[in-house]
C-alpha atoms as a PDB file:
ATOM      1  CA  UNK A   1      22.302  38.795  58.709  1.00  0.00           C
ATOM      2  CA  UNK A   2      21.009  41.439  56.311  1.00  0.00           C
ATOM      3  CA  UNK A   3      18.565  38.935  54.808  1.00  0.00           C
ATOM      4  CA  UNK A   4      17.352  37.800  58.255  1.00  0.00           C
ATOM      5  CA  UNK A   5      16.850  41.395  59.384  1.00  0.00           C
ATOM      6  CA  UNK A   6      14.875  42.206  56.244  1.00  0.00           C
ATOM      7  CA  UNK A   7      12.673  39.120  56.702  1.00  0.00           C
ATOM      8  CA  UNK A   8      12.037  40.020  60.340  1.00  0.00           C
ATOM      9  CA  UNK A   9      10.992  43.539  59.352  1.00  0.00           C
ATOM     10  CA  UNK A  10       8.665  42.215  56.665  1.00  0.00           C
ATOM     11  CA  UNK A  11       7.121  39.680  59.060  1.00  0.00           C
ATOM     12  CA  UNK A  12       6.464  42.419  61.620  1.00  0.00           C
ATOM     13  CA  UNK A  13       4.759  44.556  58.982  1.00  0.00           C
ATOM     14  CA  UNK A  14       2.584  41.645  57.874  1.00  0.00           C
ATOM     15  CA  UNK A  15       1.503  40.805  61.413  1.00  0.00           C
ATOM     16  CA  UNK A  16       0.745  44.422  62.255  1.00  0.00           C
ATOM     17  CA  UNK A  17      -1.515  44.760  59.217  1.00  0.00           C
ATOM     18  CA  UNK A  18      -3.097  41.288  59.587  1.00  0.00           C
ATOM     19  CA  UNK A  19      -1.936  40.541  56.051  1.00  0.00           C
ATOM     20  CA  UNK A  20      -0.431  37.441  54.517  1.00  0.00           C
ATOM     21  CA  UNK A  21       0.211  35.965  51.105  1.00  0.00           C
ATOM     22  CA  UNK A  22      -3.392  34.994  50.366  1.00  0.00           C
ATOM     23  CA  UNK A  23      -3.400  37.060  47.242  1.00  0.00           C
ATOM     24  CA  UNK A  24      -5.511  40.017  46.268  1.00  0.00           C
ATOM     25  CA  UNK A  25      -8.274  40.045  48.850  1.00  0.00           C
ATOM     26  CA  UNK A  26      -7.695  43.770  49.317  1.00  0.00           C
ATOM     27  CA  UNK A  27      -7.999  46.482  46.635  1.00  0.00           C
ATOM     28  CA  UNK A  28      -4.934  47.403  44.601  1.00  0.00           C
ATOM     29  CA  UNK A  29      -5.755  51.100  44.500  1.00  0.00           C
ATOM     30  CA  UNK A  30      -3.898  52.032  47.659  1.00  0.00           C
ATOM     31  CA  UNK A  31      -0.127  52.436  48.091  1.00  0.00           C
ATOM     32  CA  UNK A  32       1.985  49.420  48.877  1.00  0.00           C
ATOM     33  CA  UNK A  33       3.147  48.952  52.443  1.00  0.00           C
ATOM     34  CA  UNK A  34       6.826  48.396  51.615  1.00  0.00           C
ATOM     35  CA  UNK A  35       9.270  49.142  48.807  1.00  0.00           C
ATOM     36  CA  UNK A  36      11.880  46.544  47.888  1.00  0.00           C
ATOM     37  CA  UNK A  37      15.349  47.612  48.990  1.00  0.00           C
ATOM     38  CA  UNK A  38      17.549  46.641  46.011  1.00  0.00           C
ATOM     39  CA  UNK A  39      17.686  48.484  42.678  1.00  0.00           C
ATOM     40  CA  UNK A  40      18.336  47.411  39.087  1.00  0.00           C
ATOM     41  CA  UNK A  41      18.799  49.883  36.232  1.00  0.00           C
ATOM     42  CA  UNK A  42      16.715  48.944  33.188  1.00  0.00           C
ATOM     43  CA  UNK A  43      18.406  50.034  29.997  1.00  0.00           C
ATOM     44  CA  UNK A  44      19.402  53.365  31.467  1.00  0.00           C
ATOM     45  CA  UNK A  45      15.722  54.350  31.404  1.00  0.00           C
ATOM     46  CA  UNK A  46      14.701  53.854  35.002  1.00  0.00           C
ATOM     47  CA  UNK A  47      15.234  51.894  38.206  1.00  0.00           C
ATOM     48  CA  UNK A  48      13.394  48.714  39.176  1.00  0.00           C
ATOM     49  CA  UNK A  49      13.072  47.889  42.892  1.00  0.00           C
ATOM     50  CA  UNK A  50      13.511  44.265  43.882  1.00  0.00           C
ATOM     51  CA  UNK A  51      14.275  41.965  46.789  1.00  0.00           C
ATOM     52  CA  UNK A  52      17.383  39.772  46.590  1.00  0.00           C
ATOM     53  CA  UNK A  53      18.363  36.943  48.928  1.00  0.00           C
ATOM     54  CA  UNK A  54      22.069  37.575  48.163  1.00  0.00           C
ATOM     55  CA  UNK A  55      24.034  40.630  47.092  1.00  0.00           C
ATOM     56  CA  UNK A  56      24.595  40.232  43.360  1.00  0.00           C
ATOM     57  CA  UNK A  57      27.049  43.104  43.087  1.00  0.00           C
ATOM     58  CA  UNK A  58      29.768  40.586  43.971  1.00  0.00           C
ATOM     59  CA  UNK A  59      30.569  37.165  42.431  1.00  0.00           C
ATOM     60  CA  UNK A  60      28.276  34.371  43.642  1.00  0.00           C
ATOM     61  CA  UNK A  61      30.050  31.160  42.592  1.00  0.00           C
ATOM     62  CA  UNK A  62      27.868  28.951  44.816  1.00  0.00           C
ATOM     63  CA  UNK A  63      24.629  29.967  43.093  1.00  0.00           C
ATOM     64  CA  UNK A  64      23.392  27.308  40.649  1.00  0.00           C
ATOM     65  CA  UNK A  65      19.696  28.273  40.521  1.00  0.00           C
ATOM     66  CA  UNK A  66      17.940  31.645  40.388  1.00  0.00           C
ATOM     67  CA  UNK A  67      14.208  31.888  41.075  1.00  0.00           C
ATOM     68  CA  UNK A  68      12.291  35.013  40.073  1.00  0.00           C
ATOM     69  CA  UNK A  69       8.975  35.232  41.938  1.00  0.00           C
ATOM     70  CA  UNK A  70       6.424  37.706  40.551  1.00  0.00           C
ATOM     71  CA  UNK A  71       3.920  39.329  42.911  1.00  0.00           C
ATOM     72  CA  UNK A  72       0.173  39.665  42.315  1.00  0.00           C
ATOM     73  CA  UNK A  73      -1.778  42.779  41.460  1.00  0.00           C
ATOM     74  CA  UNK A  74      -1.380  44.186  44.973  1.00  0.00           C
ATOM     75  CA  UNK A  75       2.292  44.759  44.116  1.00  0.00           C
ATOM     76  CA  UNK A  76       3.056  43.212  47.517  1.00  0.00           C
ATOM     77  CA  UNK A  77       6.591  42.100  46.787  1.00  0.00           C
ATOM     78  CA  UNK A  78       7.342  41.952  50.526  1.00  0.00           C
ATOM     79  CA  UNK A  79       4.799  39.176  51.050  1.00  0.00           C
ATOM     80  CA  UNK A  80       6.021  37.266  48.045  1.00  0.00           C
ATOM     81  CA  UNK A  81       9.592  37.559  49.254  1.00  0.00           C
ATOM     82  CA  UNK A  82       8.503  35.967  52.521  1.00  0.00           C
ATOM     83  CA  UNK A  83       6.788  33.178  50.572  1.00  0.00           C
ATOM     84  CA  UNK A  84       9.891  32.708  48.425  1.00  0.00           C
ATOM     85  CA  UNK A  85      12.003  32.391  51.563  1.00  0.00           C
ATOM     86  CA  UNK A  86       9.529  29.902  53.076  1.00  0.00           C
ATOM     87  CA  UNK A  87       9.686  27.799  49.913  1.00  0.00           C
ATOM     88  CA  UNK A  88      13.485  27.935  49.952  1.00  0.00           C
ATOM     89  CA  UNK A  89      13.590  26.674  53.544  1.00  0.00           C
ATOM     90  CA  UNK A  90      11.023  23.950  52.781  1.00  0.00           C
ATOM     91  CA  UNK A  91      13.179  22.830  49.848  1.00  0.00           C
ATOM     92  CA  UNK A  92      16.127  22.395  52.180  1.00  0.00           C
ATOM     93  CA  UNK A  93      18.159  25.079  50.437  1.00  0.00           C
ATOM     94  CA  UNK A  94      20.534  26.847  52.795  1.00  0.00           C
ATOM     95  CA  UNK A  95      20.411  30.078  50.822  1.00  0.00           C
ATOM     96  CA  UNK A  96      23.796  29.497  49.242  1.00  0.00           C
ATOM     97  CA  UNK A  97      22.848  27.578  46.095  1.00  0.00           C
ATOM     98  CA  UNK A  98      19.634  29.383  45.116  1.00  0.00           C
ATOM     99  CA  UNK A  99      19.141  33.118  44.619  1.00  0.00           C
ATOM    100  CA  UNK A 100      15.599  34.340  45.261  1.00  0.00           C
ATOM    101  CA  UNK A 101      14.574  37.461  43.307  1.00  0.00           C
ATOM    102  CA  UNK A 102      11.281  39.330  43.747  1.00  0.00           C
ATOM    103  CA  UNK A 103      10.919  42.398  41.480  1.00  0.00           C
ATOM    104  CA  UNK A 104       8.321  45.050  42.267  1.00  0.00           C
ATOM    105  CA  UNK A 105       6.209  46.731  39.585  1.00  0.00           C
ATOM    106  CA  UNK A 106       5.179  49.964  41.261  1.00  0.00           C
ATOM    107  CA  UNK A 107       2.316  52.337  40.464  1.00  0.00           C
ATOM    108  CA  UNK A 108       2.271  56.134  40.595  1.00  0.00           C
ATOM    109  CA  UNK A 109       0.489  56.052  43.959  1.00  0.00           C
ATOM    110  CA  UNK A 110       3.383  54.055  45.441  1.00  0.00           C
ATOM    111  CA  UNK A 111       6.013  56.487  44.210  1.00  0.00           C
ATOM    112  CA  UNK A 112       4.051  59.446  45.565  1.00  0.00           C
ATOM    113  CA  UNK A 113       3.250  57.873  48.935  1.00  0.00           C
ATOM    114  CA  UNK A 114       6.827  56.804  49.622  1.00  0.00           C
ATOM    115  CA  UNK A 115       8.392  59.929  48.073  1.00  0.00           C
ATOM    116  CA  UNK A 116      10.574  57.838  45.785  1.00  0.00           C
ATOM    117  CA  UNK A 117      13.125  59.307  43.368  1.00  0.00           C
ATOM    118  CA  UNK A 118      11.941  60.454  39.954  1.00  0.00           C
ATOM    119  CA  UNK A 119      13.896  57.694  38.207  1.00  0.00           C
ATOM    120  CA  UNK A 120      11.812  54.925  39.825  1.00  0.00           C
ATOM    121  CA  UNK A 121       9.830  52.994  37.210  1.00  0.00           C
ATOM    122  CA  UNK A 122       6.071  52.988  37.671  1.00  0.00           C
ATOM    123  CA  UNK A 123       3.225  51.487  35.640  1.00  0.00           C
ATOM    124  CA  UNK A 124      -0.546  51.738  35.564  1.00  0.00           C
ATOM    125  CA  UNK A 125      -2.269  49.658  38.245  1.00  0.00           C
ATOM    126  CA  UNK A 126      -2.560  46.556  36.078  1.00  0.00           C
ATOM    127  CA  UNK A 127      -0.779  47.390  32.787  1.00  0.00           C
ATOM    128  CA  UNK A 128       2.440  45.725  33.919  1.00  0.00           C
ATOM    129  CA  UNK A 129       0.645  42.356  33.887  1.00  0.00           C
ATOM    130  CA  UNK A 130       0.547  42.386  30.086  1.00  0.00           C
ATOM    131  CA  UNK A 131       3.876  44.030  29.275  1.00  0.00           C
ATOM    132  CA  UNK A 132       2.609  47.608  28.940  1.00  0.00           C
ATOM    133  CA  UNK A 133       5.058  50.495  28.907  1.00  0.00           C
ATOM    134  CA  UNK A 134       5.823  52.302  32.153  1.00  0.00           C
ATOM    135  CA  UNK A 135       4.158  55.667  32.718  1.00  0.00           C
ATOM    136  CA  UNK A 136       7.436  57.210  33.906  1.00  0.00           C
ATOM    137  CA  UNK A 137      10.260  58.035  33.801  1.00  0.00           C
ATOM    138  CA  UNK A 138      10.402  56.345  30.368  1.00  0.00           C
ATOM    139  CA  UNK A 139       8.085  53.983  28.455  1.00  0.00           C
ATOM    140  CA  UNK A 140       9.816  50.778  29.530  1.00  0.00           C
ATOM    141  CA  UNK A 141       7.827  47.557  29.154  1.00  0.00           C
ATOM    142  CA  UNK A 142       7.528  45.398  32.255  1.00  0.00           C
ATOM    143  CA  UNK A 143       8.911  42.668  29.989  1.00  0.00           C
ATOM    144  CA  UNK A 144      12.021  44.782  29.425  1.00  0.00           C
ATOM    145  CA  UNK A 145      12.434  44.874  33.200  1.00  0.00           C
ATOM    146  CA  UNK A 146      12.466  41.067  33.214  1.00  0.00           C
ATOM    147  CA  UNK A 147      14.909  41.132  30.294  1.00  0.00           C
ATOM    148  CA  UNK A 148      17.225  43.228  32.469  1.00  0.00           C
ATOM    149  CA  UNK A 149      17.053  40.686  35.304  1.00  0.00           C
ATOM    150  CA  UNK A 150      17.873  37.825  32.937  1.00  0.00           C
ATOM    151  CA  UNK A 151      20.728  39.835  31.429  1.00  0.00           C
ATOM    152  CA  UNK A 152      22.159  40.287  34.925  1.00  0.00           C
ATOM    153  CA  UNK A 153      21.859  36.562  35.597  1.00  0.00           C
ATOM    154  CA  UNK A 154      23.662  35.736  32.335  1.00  0.00           C
ATOM    155  CA  UNK A 155      26.785  37.600  33.527  1.00  0.00           C
ATOM    156  CA  UNK A 156      29.289  34.809  34.130  1.00  0.00           C
ATOM    157  CA  UNK A 157      31.547  37.140  36.109  1.00  0.00           C
ATOM    158  CA  UNK A 158      28.837  37.236  38.801  1.00  0.00           C
ATOM    159  CA  UNK A 159      27.240  33.825  38.253  1.00  0.00           C
ATOM    160  CA  UNK A 160      29.962  31.475  36.972  1.00  0.00           C
ATOM    161  CA  UNK A 161      28.035  28.314  37.934  1.00  0.00           C
ATOM    162  CA  UNK A 162      24.404  29.265  37.309  1.00  0.00           C
ATOM    163  CA  UNK A 163      22.580  26.402  35.595  1.00  0.00           C
ATOM    164  CA  UNK A 164      18.861  27.223  35.765  1.00  0.00           C
ATOM    165  CA  UNK A 165      16.525  30.200  36.044  1.00  0.00           C
ATOM    166  CA  UNK A 166      12.861  29.876  37.060  1.00  0.00           C
ATOM    167  CA  UNK A 167      10.361  32.644  36.322  1.00  0.00           C
ATOM    168  CA  UNK A 168       7.362  31.998  38.572  1.00  0.00           C
ATOM    169  CA  UNK A 169       4.243  33.988  39.309  1.00  0.00           C
ATOM    170  CA  UNK A 170       0.935  33.625  41.103  1.00  0.00           C
ATOM    171  CA  UNK A 171      -2.317  35.349  40.082  1.00  0.00           C
ATOM    172  CA  UNK A 172      -1.373  38.716  38.552  1.00  0.00           C
ATOM    173  CA  UNK A 173       2.255  37.596  38.603  1.00  0.00           C
ATOM    174  CA  UNK A 174       1.254  34.426  36.770  1.00  0.00           C
ATOM    175  CA  UNK A 175      -0.278  36.611  34.073  1.00  0.00           C
ATOM    176  CA  UNK A 176       3.136  38.225  33.680  1.00  0.00           C
ATOM    177  CA  UNK A 177       4.917  34.857  33.669  1.00  0.00           C
ATOM    178  CA  UNK A 178       2.579  33.385  31.041  1.00  0.00           C
ATOM    179  CA  UNK A 179       2.799  36.385  28.722  1.00  0.00           C
ATOM    180  CA  UNK A 180       6.550  36.689  29.207  1.00  0.00           C
ATOM    181  CA  UNK A 181       6.935  33.015  28.293  1.00  0.00           C
ATOM    182  CA  UNK A 182       5.291  33.998  25.002  1.00  0.00           C
ATOM    183  CA  UNK A 183       6.985  37.325  24.412  1.00  0.00           C
ATOM    184  CA  UNK A 184      10.186  37.443  26.450  1.00  0.00           C
ATOM    185  CA  UNK A 185      13.476  38.224  24.723  1.00  0.00           C
ATOM    186  CA  UNK A 186      15.708  37.836  27.763  1.00  0.00           C
ATOM    187  CA  UNK A 187      16.011  34.076  27.369  1.00  0.00           C
ATOM    188  CA  UNK A 188      18.488  34.549  24.500  1.00  0.00           C
ATOM    189  CA  UNK A 189      21.133  35.934  26.874  1.00  0.00           C
ATOM    190  CA  UNK A 190      20.762  32.870  29.107  1.00  0.00           C
ATOM    191  CA  UNK A 191      20.873  30.453  26.186  1.00  0.00           C
ATOM    192  CA  UNK A 192      24.198  31.870  25.052  1.00  0.00           C
ATOM    193  CA  UNK A 193      25.564  30.926  28.471  1.00  0.00           C
ATOM    194  CA  UNK A 194      23.890  27.465  28.396  1.00  0.00           C
ATOM    195  CA  UNK A 195      21.555  28.381  31.267  1.00  0.00           C
ATOM    196  CA  UNK A 196      18.155  26.677  31.223  1.00  0.00           C
ATOM    197  CA  UNK A 197      14.929  28.546  31.965  1.00  0.00           C
ATOM    198  CA  UNK A 198      11.510  27.415  33.177  1.00  0.00           C
ATOM    199  CA  UNK A 199       8.239  29.313  33.536  1.00  0.00           C
ATOM    200  CA  UNK A 200       5.805  28.532  36.367  1.00  0.00           C
ATOM    201  CA  UNK A 201       2.267  29.869  35.906  1.00  0.00           C
ATOM    202  CA  UNK A 202       0.101  29.586  39.042  1.00  0.00           C
ATOM    203  CA  UNK A 203      -3.605  30.514  39.128  1.00  0.00           C
ATOM    204  CA  UNK A 204      -3.798  33.464  36.711  1.00  0.00           C
ATOM    205  CA  UNK A 205      -7.175  35.009  35.899  1.00  0.00           C
ATOM    206  CA  UNK A 206      -6.563  34.754  32.149  1.00  0.00           C
ATOM    207  CA  UNK A 207      -4.226  33.568  29.408  1.00  0.00           C
ATOM    208  CA  UNK A 208      -3.090  34.844  26.021  1.00  0.00           C
ATOM    209  CA  UNK A 209      -4.636  32.709  23.262  1.00  0.00           C
ATOM    210  CA  UNK A 210      -3.113  32.321  19.798  1.00  0.00           C
ATOM    211  CA  UNK A 211      -6.378  31.691  17.920  1.00  0.00           C
ATOM    212  CA  UNK A 212      -9.901  33.098  18.151  1.00  0.00           C
ATOM    213  CA  UNK A 213     -11.336  29.871  19.593  1.00  0.00           C
ATOM    214  CA  UNK A 214     -12.456  30.061  23.233  1.00  0.00           C
ATOM    215  CA  UNK A 215     -13.848  27.578  25.784  1.00  0.00           C
ATOM    216  CA  UNK A 216     -17.069  29.637  26.027  1.00  0.00           C
ATOM    217  CA  UNK A 217     -17.709  30.703  22.410  1.00  0.00           C
ATOM    218  CA  UNK A 218     -21.099  32.233  23.218  1.00  0.00           C
ATOM    219  CA  UNK A 219     -19.460  34.836  25.468  1.00  0.00           C
ATOM    220  CA  UNK A 220     -16.678  35.444  22.960  1.00  0.00           C
ATOM    221  CA  UNK A 221     -19.220  36.044  20.190  1.00  0.00           C
ATOM    222  CA  UNK A 222     -20.749  38.950  22.116  1.00  0.00           C
ATOM    223  CA  UNK A 223     -17.425  40.368  23.357  1.00  0.00           C
ATOM    224  CA  UNK A 224     -15.735  42.628  20.767  1.00  0.00           C
ATOM    225  CA  UNK A 225     -12.387  42.708  22.597  1.00  0.00           C
ATOM    226  CA  UNK A 226     -12.117  39.008  23.431  1.00  0.00           C
ATOM    227  CA  UNK A 227      -9.038  38.537  21.220  1.00  0.00           C
ATOM    228  CA  UNK A 228      -7.166  41.724  22.117  1.00  0.00           C
ATOM    229  CA  UNK A 229      -3.889  41.472  24.007  1.00  0.00           C
ATOM    230  CA  UNK A 230      -3.500  40.367  26.836  1.00  0.00           C
ATOM    231  CA  UNK A 231      -6.271  37.841  26.077  1.00  0.00           C
ATOM    232  CA  UNK A 232      -5.364  37.231  22.430  1.00  0.00           C
ATOM    233  CA  UNK A 233      -3.046  38.340  19.665  1.00  0.00           C
ATOM    234  CA  UNK A 234      -4.789  41.512  18.446  1.00  0.00           C
ATOM    235  CA  UNK A 235      -3.409  44.919  19.403  1.00  0.00           C
ATOM    236  CA  UNK A 236      -0.167  43.636  20.864  1.00  0.00           C
ATOM    237  CA  UNK A 237       2.023  46.213  22.681  1.00  0.00           C
ATOM    238  CA  UNK A 238       5.186  47.557  21.011  1.00  0.00           C
ATOM    239  CA  UNK A 239       7.435  45.068  22.815  1.00  0.00           C
ATOM    240  CA  UNK A 240       6.030  42.213  20.699  1.00  0.00           C
ATOM    241  CA  UNK A 241       4.138  43.954  17.916  1.00  0.00           C
ATOM    242  CA  UNK A 242       6.731  43.081  15.265  1.00  0.00           C
ATOM    243  CA  UNK A 243       6.564  39.325  15.858  1.00  0.00           C
ATOM    244  CA  UNK A 244       3.849  37.276  14.157  1.00  0.00           C
ATOM    245  CA  UNK A 245       1.369  35.280  16.259  1.00  0.00           C
ATOM    246  CA  UNK A 246       2.659  32.071  14.653  1.00  0.00           C
ATOM    247  CA  UNK A 247       6.216  32.885  15.700  1.00  0.00           C
ATOM    248  CA  UNK A 248       5.085  33.777  19.214  1.00  0.00           C
ATOM    249  CA  UNK A 249       3.164  30.509  19.486  1.00  0.00           C
ATOM    250  CA  UNK A 250       6.165  28.481  18.374  1.00  0.00           C
ATOM    251  CA  UNK A 251       8.379  30.313  20.855  1.00  0.00           C
ATOM    252  CA  UNK A 252       5.909  29.538  23.634  1.00  0.00           C
ATOM    253  CA  UNK A 253       5.592  25.880  22.694  1.00  0.00           C
ATOM    254  CA  UNK A 254       9.365  25.489  22.670  1.00  0.00           C
ATOM    255  CA  UNK A 255       9.710  26.836  26.203  1.00  0.00           C
ATOM    256  CA  UNK A 256       9.384  24.817  29.405  1.00  0.00           C
ATOM    257  CA  UNK A 257       6.150  25.788  31.158  1.00  0.00           C
ATOM    258  CA  UNK A 258       4.516  24.347  34.272  1.00  0.00           C
ATOM    259  CA  UNK A 259       0.922  25.323  35.041  1.00  0.00           C
ATOM    260  CA  UNK A 260       0.136  25.107  38.757  1.00  0.00           C
ATOM    261  CA  UNK A 261      -3.622  25.091  39.347  1.00  0.00           C
ATOM    262  CA  UNK A 262      -5.207  25.125  42.792  1.00  0.00           C
ATOM    263  CA  UNK A 263      -8.108  22.688  42.810  1.00  0.00           C
ATOM    264  CA  UNK A 264     -10.101  24.994  45.114  1.00  0.00           C
ATOM    265  CA  UNK A 265      -9.591  28.135  43.009  1.00  0.00           C
ATOM    266  CA  UNK A 266     -13.139  27.701  41.750  1.00  0.00           C
ATOM    267  CA  UNK A 267     -15.006  30.766  42.980  1.00  0.00           C
ATOM    268  CA  UNK A 268     -16.584  32.573  39.990  1.00  0.00           C
ATOM    269  CA  UNK A 269     -17.245  35.576  42.247  1.00  0.00           C
ATOM    270  CA  UNK A 270     -13.762  35.898  43.783  1.00  0.00           C
ATOM    271  CA  UNK A 271     -13.070  39.559  44.478  1.00  0.00           C
ATOM    272  CA  UNK A 272      -9.901  39.632  42.375  1.00  0.00           C
ATOM    273  CA  UNK A 273     -11.062  37.363  39.544  1.00  0.00           C
ATOM    274  CA  UNK A 274     -11.090  39.041  36.137  1.00  0.00           C
ATOM    275  CA  UNK A 275     -14.797  39.160  35.300  1.00  0.00           C
ATOM    276  CA  UNK A 276     -14.494  40.956  31.964  1.00  0.00           C
ATOM    277  CA  UNK A 277     -16.133  39.258  29.001  1.00  0.00           C
ATOM    278  CA  UNK A 278     -12.620  38.687  27.586  1.00  0.00           C
ATOM    279  CA  UNK A 279     -11.731  36.587  30.637  1.00  0.00           C
ATOM    280  CA  UNK A 280     -15.121  34.909  31.058  1.00  0.00           C
ATOM    281  CA  UNK A 281     -14.877  33.637  27.481  1.00  0.00           C
ATOM    282  CA  UNK A 282     -12.004  31.528  28.827  1.00  0.00           C
ATOM    283  CA  UNK A 283     -14.085  29.861  31.532  1.00  0.00           C
ATOM    284  CA  UNK A 284     -15.991  30.558  34.781  1.00  0.00           C
ATOM    285  CA  UNK A 285     -13.074  30.570  37.254  1.00  0.00           C
ATOM    286  CA  UNK A 286      -9.285  30.168  37.388  1.00  0.00           C
ATOM    287  CA  UNK A 287      -9.071  26.384  37.771  1.00  0.00           C
ATOM    288  CA  UNK A 288     -11.336  25.822  34.773  1.00  0.00           C
ATOM    289  CA  UNK A 289      -9.597  28.507  32.710  1.00  0.00           C
ATOM    290  CA  UNK A 290      -6.194  26.947  33.352  1.00  0.00           C
ATOM    291  CA  UNK A 291      -7.188  23.453  32.276  1.00  0.00           C
ATOM    292  CA  UNK A 292      -9.121  24.758  29.273  1.00  0.00           C
ATOM    293  CA  UNK A 293      -6.082  26.725  28.079  1.00  0.00           C
ATOM    294  CA  UNK A 294      -3.643  23.855  28.585  1.00  0.00           C
ATOM    295  CA  UNK A 295      -6.033  21.477  26.789  1.00  0.00           C
ATOM    296  CA  UNK A 296      -6.387  23.878  23.864  1.00  0.00           C
ATOM    297  CA  UNK A 297      -2.620  24.171  23.525  1.00  0.00           C
ATOM    298  CA  UNK A 298      -2.156  20.401  23.775  1.00  0.00           C
ATOM    299  CA  UNK A 299      -4.571  19.892  20.846  1.00  0.00           C
ATOM    300  CA  UNK A 300      -2.396  21.852  18.403  1.00  0.00           C
ATOM    301  CA  UNK A 301      -0.753  19.854  15.599  1.00  0.00           C
ATOM    302  CA  UNK A 302       2.350  18.747  17.510  1.00  0.00           C
ATOM    303  CA  UNK A 303       1.051  19.297  21.015  1.00  0.00           C
ATOM    304  CA  UNK A 304       3.031  20.900  23.821  1.00  0.00           C
ATOM    305  CA  UNK A 305       5.656  18.361  24.913  1.00  0.00           C
ATOM    306  CA  UNK A 306       7.477  20.980  27.010  1.00  0.00           C
ATOM    307  CA  UNK A 307       4.379  21.990  28.989  1.00  0.00           C
ATOM    308  CA  UNK A 308       3.062  20.273  32.139  1.00  0.00           C
ATOM    309  CA  UNK A 309      -0.131  20.777  34.157  1.00  0.00           C
ATOM    310  CA  UNK A 310      -0.032  20.066  37.884  1.00  0.00           C
ATOM    311  CA  UNK A 311      -3.052  20.266  40.170  1.00  0.00           C
ATOM    312  CA  UNK A 312      -2.365  21.541  43.690  1.00  0.00           C
ATOM    313  CA  UNK A 313      -4.927  19.656  45.733  1.00  0.00           C
ATOM    314  CA  UNK A 314      -6.848  21.467  48.448  1.00  0.00           C
ATOM    315  CA  UNK A 315      -5.478  24.948  47.686  1.00  0.00           C
ATOM    316  CA  UNK A 316      -7.477  27.924  46.481  1.00  0.00           C
ATOM    317  CA  UNK A 317      -6.286  31.387  45.474  1.00  0.00           C
ATOM    318  CA  UNK A 318      -3.357  31.619  47.867  1.00  0.00           C
ATOM    319  CA  UNK A 319       0.112  32.443  46.587  1.00  0.00           C
ATOM    320  CA  UNK A 320       1.938  31.296  49.711  1.00  0.00           C
ATOM    321  CA  UNK A 321       0.257  27.882  49.789  1.00  0.00           C
ATOM    322  CA  UNK A 322       0.723  27.395  46.047  1.00  0.00           C
ATOM    323  CA  UNK A 323       4.439  28.144  46.029  1.00  0.00           C
ATOM    324  CA  UNK A 324       5.190  26.173  49.205  1.00  0.00           C
ATOM    325  CA  UNK A 325       3.090  23.126  48.247  1.00  0.00           C
ATOM    326  CA  UNK A 326       4.782  19.913  47.142  1.00  0.00           C
ATOM    327  CA  UNK A 327       4.024  20.807  43.535  1.00  0.00           C
ATOM    328  CA  UNK A 328       5.271  24.345  44.081  1.00  0.00           C
ATOM    329  CA  UNK A 329       8.558  23.021  45.444  1.00  0.00           C
ATOM    330  CA  UNK A 330       8.816  20.586  42.537  1.00  0.00           C
ATOM    331  CA  UNK A 331       8.275  23.407  40.042  1.00  0.00           C
ATOM    332  CA  UNK A 332      10.716  25.815  41.722  1.00  0.00           C
ATOM    333  CA  UNK A 333      13.408  23.476  43.052  1.00  0.00           C
ATOM    334  CA  UNK A 334      12.844  20.085  41.337  1.00  0.00           C
ATOM    335  CA  UNK A 335      12.007  18.544  44.716  1.00  0.00           C
ATOM    336  CA  UNK A 336      10.231  15.202  44.075  1.00  0.00           C
ATOM    337  CA  UNK A 337       6.814  14.435  45.547  1.00  0.00           C
ATOM    338  CA  UNK A 338       4.283  16.383  43.507  1.00  0.00           C
ATOM    339  CA  UNK A 339       2.429  13.483  41.908  1.00  0.00           C
ATOM    340  CA  UNK A 340      -0.393  15.684  40.580  1.00  0.00           C
ATOM    341  CA  UNK A 341       0.301  15.855  36.866  1.00  0.00           C
ATOM    342  CA  UNK A 342      -2.710  15.308  34.612  1.00  0.00           C
END
């Protein structure tokens, strides 16, 4: 009942503001509408708000799959929680076997507007997308926040039958998912418990490259920062500064990654598209950038046998439609019927 009441409240808020999960059409410089109602301590250095479909303070023996859905740059975790629930229903899951988790990476303006406690973690408006340290109360990387979620999921006292974790993101959240698939340390805790993990990267504006080659070399040649993190391996944040690019690349190649690319996400002037020279060196729009990156990775010496690229036909830059599409359901729940792999 608590979950249904929360969903009803979120739906009412979305209708009243004429908003939905079509991501990032509005500016991200205003406070979020809603704050997630659950809390997770991150290394004793701050609290992370998040939505949970089940109370994980008690044992959940029926849960075999956990799906972490990462919001876009609007920090609109409420909308993404609604989309996660819609996907869960479409997959035929009754809410007992899959735990849906939507963390929220807040900004200072959110904490101020909602008068949140001082221990609430908050980042710069977009720094969390690349693993930057929080502005307060302590310099915690957004990747460390994901580490904390995975550590919680690896607790066999709470999740005795968990078999798989999916880290999925759309747009800004996909930037987090792709970089965390490169940098993340939380997978080790799951591996020790023989829990598999998959990363789903849907329609990000940019990717982290491991070499200085780019799909549009002319733009890269005139862009001094084209290879800086989060676009490349230079100037990496402290969370991953002590790992070599070669080691990071091998870690990424070893991990299971699904790229979900909307075939209509082809607007080079989209309001939320990263139009910096660093991003434009990767291609003109998200669909092209995604295929160019996957192709570049596939051309490495031993390829990327653990990576798959799925086109989502007829969908543009819309998180709800991406995650609830046949390919979205296949990526999140292993529901057959995608048929769009290239």
